PDB file of N, CA and C in Angstrom:
ATOM      1  N   MET A   1     106.388 109.933 124.352  1.00  0.00           N
ATOM      2  CA  MET A   1     106.302 110.952 123.327  1.00  0.00           C
ATOM      3  C   MET A   1     106.349 110.323 121.928  1.00  0.00           C
ATOM      4  N   THR A   2     107.084 109.250 121.796  1.00  0.00           N
ATOM      5  CA  THR A   2     107.178 108.576 120.504  1.00  0.00           C
ATOM      6  C   THR A   2     105.828 108.002 120.098  1.00  0.00           C
ATOM      7  N   TYR A   3     105.105 107.427 121.050  1.00  0.00           N
ATOM      8  CA  TYR A   3     103.793 106.879 120.752  1.00  0.00           C
ATOM      9  C   TYR A   3     102.795 107.977 120.382  1.00  0.00           C
ATOM     10  N   PHE A   4     102.922 109.144 121.011  1.00  0.00           N
ATOM     11  CA  PHE A   4     102.054 110.270 120.690  1.00  0.00           C
ATOM     12  C   PHE A   4     102.270 110.736 119.252  1.00  0.00           C
ATOM     13  N   VAL A   5     103.520 110.861 118.843  1.00  0.00           N
ATOM     14  CA  VAL A   5     103.830 111.288 117.481  1.00  0.00           C
ATOM     15  C   VAL A   5     103.368 110.234 116.478  1.00  0.00           C
ATOM     16  N   LEU A   6     103.530 108.966 116.817  1.00  0.00           N
ATOM     17  CA  LEU A   6     103.053 107.893 115.946  1.00  0.00           C
ATOM     18  C   LEU A   6     101.532 107.924 115.827  1.00  0.00           C
ATOM     19  N   PHE A   7     100.853 108.151 116.941  1.00  0.00           N
ATOM     20  CA  PHE A   7      99.396 108.245 116.936  1.00  0.00           C
ATOM     21  C   PHE A   7      98.925 109.432 116.093  1.00  0.00           C
ATOM     22  N   ILE A   8      99.584 110.568 116.221  1.00  0.00           N
ATOM     23  CA  ILE A   8      99.234 111.756 115.440  1.00  0.00           C
ATOM     24  C   ILE A   8      99.462 111.494 113.955  1.00  0.00           C
ATOM     25  N   GLY A   9     100.540 110.813 113.614  1.00  0.00           N
ATOM     26  CA  GLY A   9     100.810 110.481 112.217  1.00  0.00           C
ATOM     27  C   GLY A   9      99.763 109.555 111.632  1.00  0.00           C
ATOM     28  N   VAL A  10      99.345 108.572 112.415  1.00  0.00           N
ATOM     29  CA  VAL A  10      98.291 107.653 111.954  1.00  0.00           C
ATOM     30  C   VAL A  10      96.965 108.401 111.787  1.00  0.00           C
ATOM     31  N   CYS A  11      96.641 109.298 112.702  1.00  0.00           N
ATOM     32  CA  CYS A  11      95.418 110.097 112.577  1.00  0.00           C
ATOM     33  C   CYS A  11      95.463 110.985 111.345  1.00  0.00           C
ATOM     34  N   PHE A  12      96.641 111.527 111.029  1.00  0.00           N
ATOM     35  CA  PHE A  12      96.784 112.361 109.843  1.00  0.00           C
ATOM     36  C   PHE A  12      96.532 111.551 108.577  1.00  0.00           C
ATOM     37  N   VAL A  13      97.118 110.368 108.504  1.00  0.00           N
ATOM     38  CA  VAL A  13      96.934 109.512 107.325  1.00  0.00           C
ATOM     39  C   VAL A  13      95.478 109.054 107.216  1.00  0.00           C
ATOM     40  N   LEU A  14      94.872 108.674 108.331  1.00  0.00           N
ATOM     41  CA  LEU A  14      93.471 108.248 108.299  1.00  0.00           C
ATOM     42  C   LEU A  14      92.538 109.389 107.908  1.00  0.00           C
ATOM     43  N   GLY A  15      92.838 110.592 108.353  1.00  0.00           N
ATOM     44  CA  GLY A  15      92.031 111.743 107.971  1.00  0.00           C
ATOM     45  C   GLY A  15      92.115 112.025 106.486  1.00  0.00           C
ATOM     46  N   GLU A  16      93.317 111.916 105.929  1.00  0.00           N
ATOM     47  CA  GLU A  16      93.462 112.128 104.485  1.00  0.00           C
ATOM     48  C   GLU A  16      92.796 111.013 103.693  1.00  0.00           C
ATOM     49  N   LEU A  17      92.870 109.791 104.176  1.00  0.00           N
ATOM     50  CA  LEU A  17      92.180 108.690 103.496  1.00  0.00           C
ATOM     51  C   LEU A  17      90.665 108.859 103.565  1.00  0.00           C
ATOM     52  N   ALA A  18      90.174 109.355 104.689  1.00  0.00           N
ATOM     53  CA  ALA A  18      88.735 109.596 104.820  1.00  0.00           C
ATOM     54  C   ALA A  18      88.283 110.711 103.885  1.00  0.00           C
ATOM     55  N   ALA A  19      89.133 111.701 103.677  1.00  0.00           N
ATOM     56  CA  ALA A  19      88.776 112.780 102.765  1.00  0.00           C
ATOM     57  C   ALA A  19      88.824 112.321 101.310  1.00  0.00           C
ATOM     58  N   ALA A  20      89.748 111.431 100.992  1.00  0.00           N
ATOM     59  CA  ALA A  20      89.911 110.998  99.603  1.00  0.00           C
ATOM     60  C   ALA A  20      88.885 109.940  99.204  1.00  0.00           C
ATOM     61  N   SER A  21      88.504 109.085 100.115  1.00  0.00           N
ATOM     62  CA  SER A  21      87.595 107.981  99.777  1.00  0.00           C
ATOM     63  C   SER A  21      86.295 108.081 100.553  1.00  0.00           C
ATOM     64  N   ASN A  22      85.704 109.249 100.566  1.00  0.00           N
ATOM     65  CA  ASN A  22      84.490 109.457 101.347  1.00  0.00           C
ATOM     66  C   ASN A  22      83.264 108.972 100.594  1.00  0.00           C
ATOM     67  N   PRO A  23      82.333 108.325 101.285  1.00  0.00           N
ATOM     68  CA  PRO A  23      81.086 107.925 100.642  1.00  0.00           C
ATOM     69  C   PRO A  23      80.122 109.101 100.467  1.00  0.00           C
ATOM     70  N   SER A  24      80.219 110.065 101.322  1.00  0.00           N
ATOM     71  CA  SER A  24      79.366 111.247 101.268  1.00  0.00           C
ATOM     72  C   SER A  24      80.266 112.475 101.220  1.00  0.00           C
ATOM     73  N   LEU A  25      79.801 113.516 100.569  1.00  0.00           N
ATOM     74  CA  LEU A  25      80.615 114.726 100.463  1.00  0.00           C
ATOM     75  C   LEU A  25      80.839 115.386 101.814  1.00  0.00           C
ATOM     76  N   TYR A  26      79.863 115.270 102.685  1.00  0.00           N
ATOM     77  CA  TYR A  26      79.978 115.929 103.987  1.00  0.00           C
ATOM     78  C   TYR A  26      80.939 115.206 104.918  1.00  0.00           C
ATOM     79  N   SER A  27      81.108 113.906 104.750  1.00  0.00           N
ATOM     80  CA  SER A  27      82.063 113.198 105.598  1.00  0.00           C
ATOM     81  C   SER A  27      83.496 113.484 105.180  1.00  0.00           C
ATOM     82  N   GLY A  28      83.696 114.010 103.980  1.00  0.00           N
ATOM     83  CA  GLY A  28      85.029 114.442 103.572  1.00  0.00           C
ATOM     84  C   GLY A  28      85.518 115.612 104.404  1.00  0.00           C
ATOM     85  N   GLU A  29      84.604 116.469 104.793  1.00  0.00           N
ATOM     86  CA  GLU A  29      84.971 117.598 105.652  1.00  0.00           C
ATOM     87  C   GLU A  29      85.442 117.123 107.016  1.00  0.00           C
ATOM     88  N   VAL A  30      84.833 116.080 107.532  1.00  0.00           N
ATOM     89  CA  VAL A  30      85.269 115.524 108.818  1.00  0.00           C
ATOM     90  C   VAL A  30      86.686 114.967 108.698  1.00  0.00           C
ATOM     91  N   GLY A  31      86.983 114.306 107.597  1.00  0.00           N
ATOM     92  CA  GLY A  31      88.329 113.780 107.379  1.00  0.00           C
ATOM     93  C   GLY A  31      89.361 114.883 107.265  1.00  0.00           C
ATOM     94  N   LEU A  32      89.025 115.966 106.560  1.00  0.00           N
ATOM     95  CA  LEU A  32      89.959 117.077 106.437  1.00  0.00           C
ATOM     96  C   LEU A  32      90.188 117.775 107.776  1.00  0.00           C
ATOM     97  N   THR A  33      89.134 117.882 108.577  1.00  0.00           N
ATOM     98  CA  THR A  33      89.298 118.492 109.894  1.00  0.00           C
ATOM     99  C   THR A  33      90.154 117.613 110.800  1.00  0.00           C
ATOM    100  N   LEU A  34      89.960 116.292 110.738  1.00  0.00           N
ATOM    101  CA  LEU A  34      90.797 115.376 111.517  1.00  0.00           C
ATOM    102  C   LEU A  34      92.258 115.492 111.107  1.00  0.00           C
ATOM    103  N   ALA A  35      92.510 115.582 109.809  1.00  0.00           N
ATOM    104  CA  ALA A  35      93.887 115.726 109.336  1.00  0.00           C
ATOM    105  C   ALA A  35      94.485 117.058 109.771  1.00  0.00           C
ATOM    106  N   SER A  36      93.681 118.114 109.797  1.00  0.00           N
ATOM    107  CA  SER A  36      94.174 119.411 110.243  1.00  0.00           C
ATOM    108  C   SER A  36      94.520 119.397 111.727  1.00  0.00           C
ATOM    109  N   VAL A  37      93.660 118.793 112.528  1.00  0.00           N
ATOM    110  CA  VAL A  37      93.931 118.700 113.964  1.00  0.00           C
ATOM    111  C   VAL A  37      95.172 117.846 114.221  1.00  0.00           C
ATOM    112  N   ALA A  38      95.340 116.783 113.447  1.00  0.00           N
ATOM    113  CA  ALA A  38      96.525 115.942 113.600  1.00  0.00           C
ATOM    114  C   ALA A  38      97.786 116.693 113.193  1.00  0.00           C
ATOM    115  N   GLY A  39      97.699 117.493 112.142  1.00  0.00           N
ATOM    116  CA  GLY A  39      98.849 118.305 111.741  1.00  0.00           C
ATOM    117  C   GLY A  39      99.212 119.332 112.798  1.00  0.00           C
ATOM    118  N   CYS A  40      98.204 119.924 113.421  1.00  0.00           N
ATOM    119  CA  CYS A  40      98.464 120.875 114.505  1.00  0.00           C
ATOM    120  C   CYS A  40      99.081 120.174 115.709  1.00  0.00           C
ATOM    121  N   GLY A  41      98.620 118.966 115.998  1.00  0.00           N
ATOM    122  CA  GLY A  41      99.233 118.192 117.084  1.00  0.00           C
ATOM    123  C   GLY A  41     100.665 117.825 116.785  1.00  0.00           C
ATOM    124  N   TRP A  42     100.957 117.581 115.520  1.00  0.00           N
ATOM    125  CA  TRP A  42     102.326 117.278 115.113  1.00  0.00           C
ATOM    126  C   TRP A  42     103.237 118.490 115.329  1.00  0.00           C
ATOM    127  N   PHE A  43     102.737 119.681 114.979  1.00  0.00           N
ATOM    128  CA  PHE A  43     103.509 120.893 115.245  1.00  0.00           C
ATOM    129  C   PHE A  43     103.688 121.119 116.741  1.00  0.00           C
ATOM    130  N   LEU A  44     102.652 120.797 117.530  1.00  0.00           N
ATOM    131  CA  LEU A  44     102.781 120.951 118.983  1.00  0.00           C
ATOM    132  C   LEU A  44     103.840 120.025 119.556  1.00  0.00           C
ATOM    133  N   SER A  45     103.950 118.830 118.999  1.00  0.00           N
ATOM    134  CA  SER A  45     104.972 117.908 119.491  1.00  0.00           C
ATOM    135  C   SER A  45     106.377 118.386 119.149  1.00  0.00           C
ATOM    136  N   LEU A  46     106.495 119.210 118.112  1.00  0.00           N
ATOM    137  CA  LEU A  46     107.796 119.783 117.759  1.00  0.00           C
ATOM    138  C   LEU A  46     108.116 121.035 118.563  1.00  0.00           C
ATOM    139  N   GLY A  47     107.138 121.561 119.285  1.00  0.00           N
ATOM    140  CA  GLY A  47     107.354 122.739 120.113  1.00  0.00           C
ATOM    141  C   GLY A  47     107.041 124.050 119.415  1.00  0.00           C
ATOM    142  N   VAL A  48     106.339 123.999 118.307  1.00  0.00           N
ATOM    143  CA  VAL A  48     106.000 125.198 117.552  1.00  0.00           C
ATOM    144  C   VAL A  48     104.522 125.497 117.789  1.00  0.00           C
ATOM    145  N   SER A  49     104.198 125.994 118.977  1.00  0.00           N
ATOM    146  CA  SER A  49     102.798 126.158 119.354  1.00  0.00           C
ATOM    147  C   SER A  49     102.124 127.296 118.593  1.00  0.00           C
ATOM    148  N   PHE A  50     102.834 128.391 118.324  1.00  0.00           N
ATOM    149  CA  PHE A  50     102.208 129.512 117.618  1.00  0.00           C
ATOM    150  C   PHE A  50     101.871 129.120 116.180  1.00  0.00           C
ATOM    151  N   MET A  51     102.770 128.416 115.522  1.00  0.00           N
ATOM    152  CA  MET A  51     102.506 127.982 114.144  1.00  0.00           C
ATOM    153  C   MET A  51     101.338 127.001 114.099  1.00  0.00           C
ATOM    154  N   SER A  52     101.231 126.158 115.115  1.00  0.00           N
ATOM    155  CA  SER A  52     100.117 125.224 115.188  1.00  0.00           C
ATOM    156  C   SER A  52      98.794 125.962 115.329  1.00  0.00           C
ATOM    157  N   LEU A  53      98.760 126.969 116.167  1.00  0.00           N
ATOM    158  CA  LEU A  53      97.548 127.762 116.361  1.00  0.00           C
ATOM    159  C   LEU A  53      97.170 128.517 115.093  1.00  0.00           C
ATOM    160  N   VAL A  54      98.147 129.102 114.420  1.00  0.00           N
ATOM    161  CA  VAL A  54      97.876 129.836 113.185  1.00  0.00           C
ATOM    162  C   VAL A  54      97.350 128.895 112.109  1.00  0.00           C
ATOM    163  N   LEU A  55      97.949 127.711 111.980  1.00  0.00           N
ATOM    164  CA  LEU A  55      97.490 126.736 110.999  1.00  0.00           C
ATOM    165  C   LEU A  55      96.047 126.330 111.264  1.00  0.00           C
ATOM    166  N   PHE A  56      95.711 126.080 112.507  1.00  0.00           N
ATOM    167  CA  PHE A  56      94.354 125.665 112.844  1.00  0.00           C
ATOM    168  C   PHE A  56      93.342 126.777 112.592  1.00  0.00           C
ATOM    169  N   ILE A  57      93.668 128.013 112.963  1.00  0.00           N
ATOM    170  CA  ILE A  57      92.744 129.127 112.771  1.00  0.00           C
ATOM    171  C   ILE A  57      92.532 129.403 111.287  1.00  0.00           C
ATOM    172  N   VAL A  58      93.601 129.361 110.508  1.00  0.00           N
ATOM    173  CA  VAL A  58      93.472 129.601 109.070  1.00  0.00           C
ATOM    174  C   VAL A  58      92.652 128.499 108.428  1.00  0.00           C
ATOM    175  N   TYR A  59      92.879 127.254 108.804  1.00  0.00           N
ATOM    176  CA  TYR A  59      92.130 126.170 108.195  1.00  0.00           C
ATOM    177  C   TYR A  59      90.658 126.239 108.555  1.00  0.00           C
ATOM    178  N   VAL A  60      90.371 126.322 109.835  1.00  0.00           N
ATOM    179  CA  VAL A  60      88.967 126.310 110.262  1.00  0.00           C
ATOM    180  C   VAL A  60      88.256 127.586 109.821  1.00  0.00           C
ATOM    181  N   GLY A  61      88.940 128.701 109.846  1.00  0.00           N
ATOM    182  CA  GLY A  61      88.306 129.954 109.491  1.00  0.00           C
ATOM    183  C   GLY A  61      88.099 130.156 108.010  1.00  0.00           C
ATOM    184  N   GLY A  62      88.971 129.628 107.192  1.00  0.00           N
ATOM    185  CA  GLY A  62      88.879 129.890 105.770  1.00  0.00           C
ATOM    186  C   GLY A  62      88.579 128.677 104.931  1.00  0.00           C
ATOM    187  N   MET A  63      89.448 127.704 104.983  1.00  0.00           N
ATOM    188  CA  MET A  63      89.348 126.545 104.097  1.00  0.00           C
ATOM    189  C   MET A  63      88.081 125.744 104.372  1.00  0.00           C
ATOM    190  N   SER A  64      87.757 125.540 105.623  1.00  0.00           N
ATOM    191  CA  SER A  64      86.592 124.734 105.971  1.00  0.00           C
ATOM    192  C   SER A  64      85.301 125.410 105.517  1.00  0.00           C
ATOM    193  N   VAL A  65      85.210 126.719 105.683  1.00  0.00           N
ATOM    194  CA  VAL A  65      84.017 127.445 105.274  1.00  0.00           C
ATOM    195  C   VAL A  65      83.858 127.392 103.756  1.00  0.00           C
ATOM    196  N   ASP A  66      84.950 127.566 103.033  1.00  0.00           N
ATOM    197  CA  ASP A  66      84.884 127.480 101.564  1.00  0.00           C
ATOM    198  C   ASP A  66      84.493 126.087 101.103  1.00  0.00           C
ATOM    199  N   TYR A  67      85.024 125.075 101.753  1.00  0.00           N
ATOM    200  CA  TYR A  67      84.719 123.695 101.377  1.00  0.00           C
ATOM    201  C   TYR A  67      83.233 123.387 101.603  1.00  0.00           C
ATOM    202  N   VAL A  68      82.714 123.783 102.737  1.00  0.00           N
ATOM    203  CA  VAL A  68      81.306 123.516 103.041  1.00  0.00           C
ATOM    204  C   VAL A  68      80.399 124.319 102.100  1.00  0.00           C
ATOM    205  N   TYR A  69      80.779 125.548 101.776  1.00  0.00           N
ATOM    206  CA  TYR A  69      79.976 126.357 100.865  1.00  0.00           C
ATOM    207  C   TYR A  69      79.942 125.741  99.469  1.00  0.00           C
ATOM    208  N   SER A  70      81.084 125.291  98.980  1.00  0.00           N
ATOM    209  CA  SER A  70      81.101 124.675  97.655  1.00  0.00           C
ATOM    210  C   SER A  70      80.357 123.346  97.660  1.00  0.00           C
ATOM    211  N   LEU A  71      80.407 122.613  98.767  1.00  0.00           N
ATOM    212  CA  LEU A  71      79.627 121.377  98.861  1.00  0.00           C
ATOM    213  C   LEU A  71      78.137 121.652  98.832  1.00  0.00           C
ATOM    214  N   SER A  72      77.730 122.705  99.480  1.00  0.00           N
ATOM    215  CA  SER A  72      76.300 123.003  99.495  1.00  0.00           C
ATOM    216  C   SER A  72      75.795 123.425  98.117  1.00  0.00           C
ATOM    217  N   LEU A  73      76.677 123.929  97.270  1.00  0.00           N
ATOM    218  CA  LEU A  73      76.259 124.315  95.930  1.00  0.00           C
ATOM    219  C   LEU A  73      76.120 123.121  94.997  1.00  0.00           C
ATOM    220  N   VAL A  74      76.985 122.135  95.152  1.00  0.00           N
ATOM    221  CA  VAL A  74      76.990 121.021  94.197  1.00  0.00           C
ATOM    222  C   VAL A  74      76.328 119.756  94.723  1.00  0.00           C
ATOM    223  N   ALA A  75      76.024 119.698  95.986  1.00  0.00           N
ATOM    224  CA  ALA A  75      75.553 118.446  96.576  1.00  0.00           C
ATOM    225  C   ALA A  75      74.060 118.240  96.330  1.00  0.00           C
ATOM    226  N   ASP A  76      73.712 117.005  96.300  1.00  0.00           N
ATOM    227  CA  ASP A  76      72.312 116.620  96.190  1.00  0.00           C
ATOM    228  C   ASP A  76      71.662 116.804  97.559  1.00  0.00           C
ATOM    229  N   PRO A  77      70.471 117.394  97.635  1.00  0.00           N
ATOM    230  CA  PRO A  77      69.868 117.617  98.962  1.00  0.00           C
ATOM    231  C   PRO A  77      69.458 116.333  99.676  1.00  0.00           C
ATOM    232  N   PHE A  78      69.311 115.219  98.955  1.00  0.00           N
ATOM    233  CA  PHE A  78      68.931 113.950  99.573  1.00  0.00           C
ATOM    234  C   PHE A  78      70.039 112.930  99.331  1.00  0.00           C
ATOM    235  N   GLN A  79      71.116 113.033 100.100  1.00  0.00           N
ATOM    236  CA  GLN A  79      72.251 112.137  99.907  1.00  0.00           C
ATOM    237  C   GLN A  79      72.078 110.860 100.700  1.00  0.00           C
ATOM    238  N   ARG A  80      72.564 109.773 100.138  1.00  0.00           N
ATOM    239  CA  ARG A  80      72.565 108.501 100.850  1.00  0.00           C
ATOM    240  C   ARG A  80      73.838 108.428 101.676  1.00  0.00           C
ATOM    241  N   LEU A  81      73.712 107.959 102.885  1.00  0.00           N
ATOM    242  CA  LEU A  81      74.856 107.832 103.774  1.00  0.00           C
ATOM    243  C   LEU A  81      75.287 106.375 103.832  1.00  0.00           C
ATOM    244  N   ARG A  82      76.425 106.066 103.222  1.00  0.00           N
ATOM    245  CA  ARG A  82      77.023 104.737 103.206  1.00  0.00           C
ATOM    246  C   ARG A  82      76.088 103.666 102.665  1.00  0.00           C
ATOM    247  N   GLY A  83      75.257 104.010 101.709  1.00  0.00           N
ATOM    248  CA  GLY A  83      74.396 103.031 101.076  1.00  0.00           C
ATOM    249  C   GLY A  83      73.187 102.626 101.886  1.00  0.00           C
ATOM    250  N   ILE A  84      72.974 103.216 103.036  1.00  0.00           N
ATOM    251  CA  ILE A  84      71.820 102.888 103.869  1.00  0.00           C
ATOM    252  C   ILE A  84      70.629 103.669 103.332  1.00  0.00           C
ATOM    253  N   GLY A  85      69.464 103.196 103.572  1.00  0.00           N
ATOM    254  CA  GLY A  85      68.269 103.814 103.014  1.00  0.00           C
ATOM    255  C   GLY A  85      67.881 105.135 103.629  1.00  0.00           C
ATOM    256  N   CYS A  86      68.580 105.623 104.628  1.00  0.00           N
ATOM    257  CA  CYS A  86      68.202 106.883 105.242  1.00  0.00           C
ATOM    258  C   CYS A  86      68.818 108.036 104.456  1.00  0.00           C
ATOM    259  N   TYR A  87      68.126 109.152 104.429  1.00  0.00           N
ATOM    260  CA  TYR A  87      68.570 110.304 103.689  1.00  0.00           C
ATOM    261  C   TYR A  87      68.854 111.446 104.666  1.00  0.00           C
ATOM    262  N   SER A  88      69.804 112.278 104.282  1.00  0.00           N
ATOM    263  CA  SER A  88      70.082 113.447 105.120  1.00  0.00           C
ATOM    264  C   SER A  88      69.422 114.660 104.477  1.00  0.00           C
ATOM    265  N   VAL A  89      68.663 115.396 105.246  1.00  0.00           N
ATOM    266  CA  VAL A  89      67.948 116.561 104.753  1.00  0.00           C
ATOM    267  C   VAL A  89      68.414 117.755 105.592  1.00  0.00           C
ATOM    268  N   GLY A  90      68.831 118.819 104.938  1.00  0.00           N
ATOM    269  CA  GLY A  90      69.253 120.016 105.656  1.00  0.00           C
ATOM    270  C   GLY A  90      68.073 120.768 106.208  1.00  0.00           C
ATOM    271  N   LEU A  91      68.186 121.213 107.447  1.00  0.00           N
ATOM    272  CA  LEU A  91      67.126 122.002 108.066  1.00  0.00           C
ATOM    273  C   LEU A  91      67.367 123.465 107.802  1.00  0.00           C
ATOM    274  N   VAL A  92      66.329 124.187 107.528  1.00  0.00           N
ATOM    275  CA  VAL A  92      66.456 125.621 107.234  1.00  0.00           C
ATOM    276  C   VAL A  92      66.164 126.407 108.484  1.00  0.00           C
TER     277      VAL A  92
END
């Protein structure tokens, strides 16, 4: 159980680092989702399963949708991914 909590803590820190130092705006959302899942796992390890479920539903249902919507308003439609020459184009 100690290793599980340590693993969840490392995933939480890595998710926040991925959100803070993202090369692309869309990969920041992946980091925030990883941190949210790790936080929910941390609550599960404490035995607070209902609070973990509520946190996950509120985050995915509200915060994630707002974040993606605001990214779509400000983002460049042809973003470079990690400096590679390929571009990401949204499909309609």
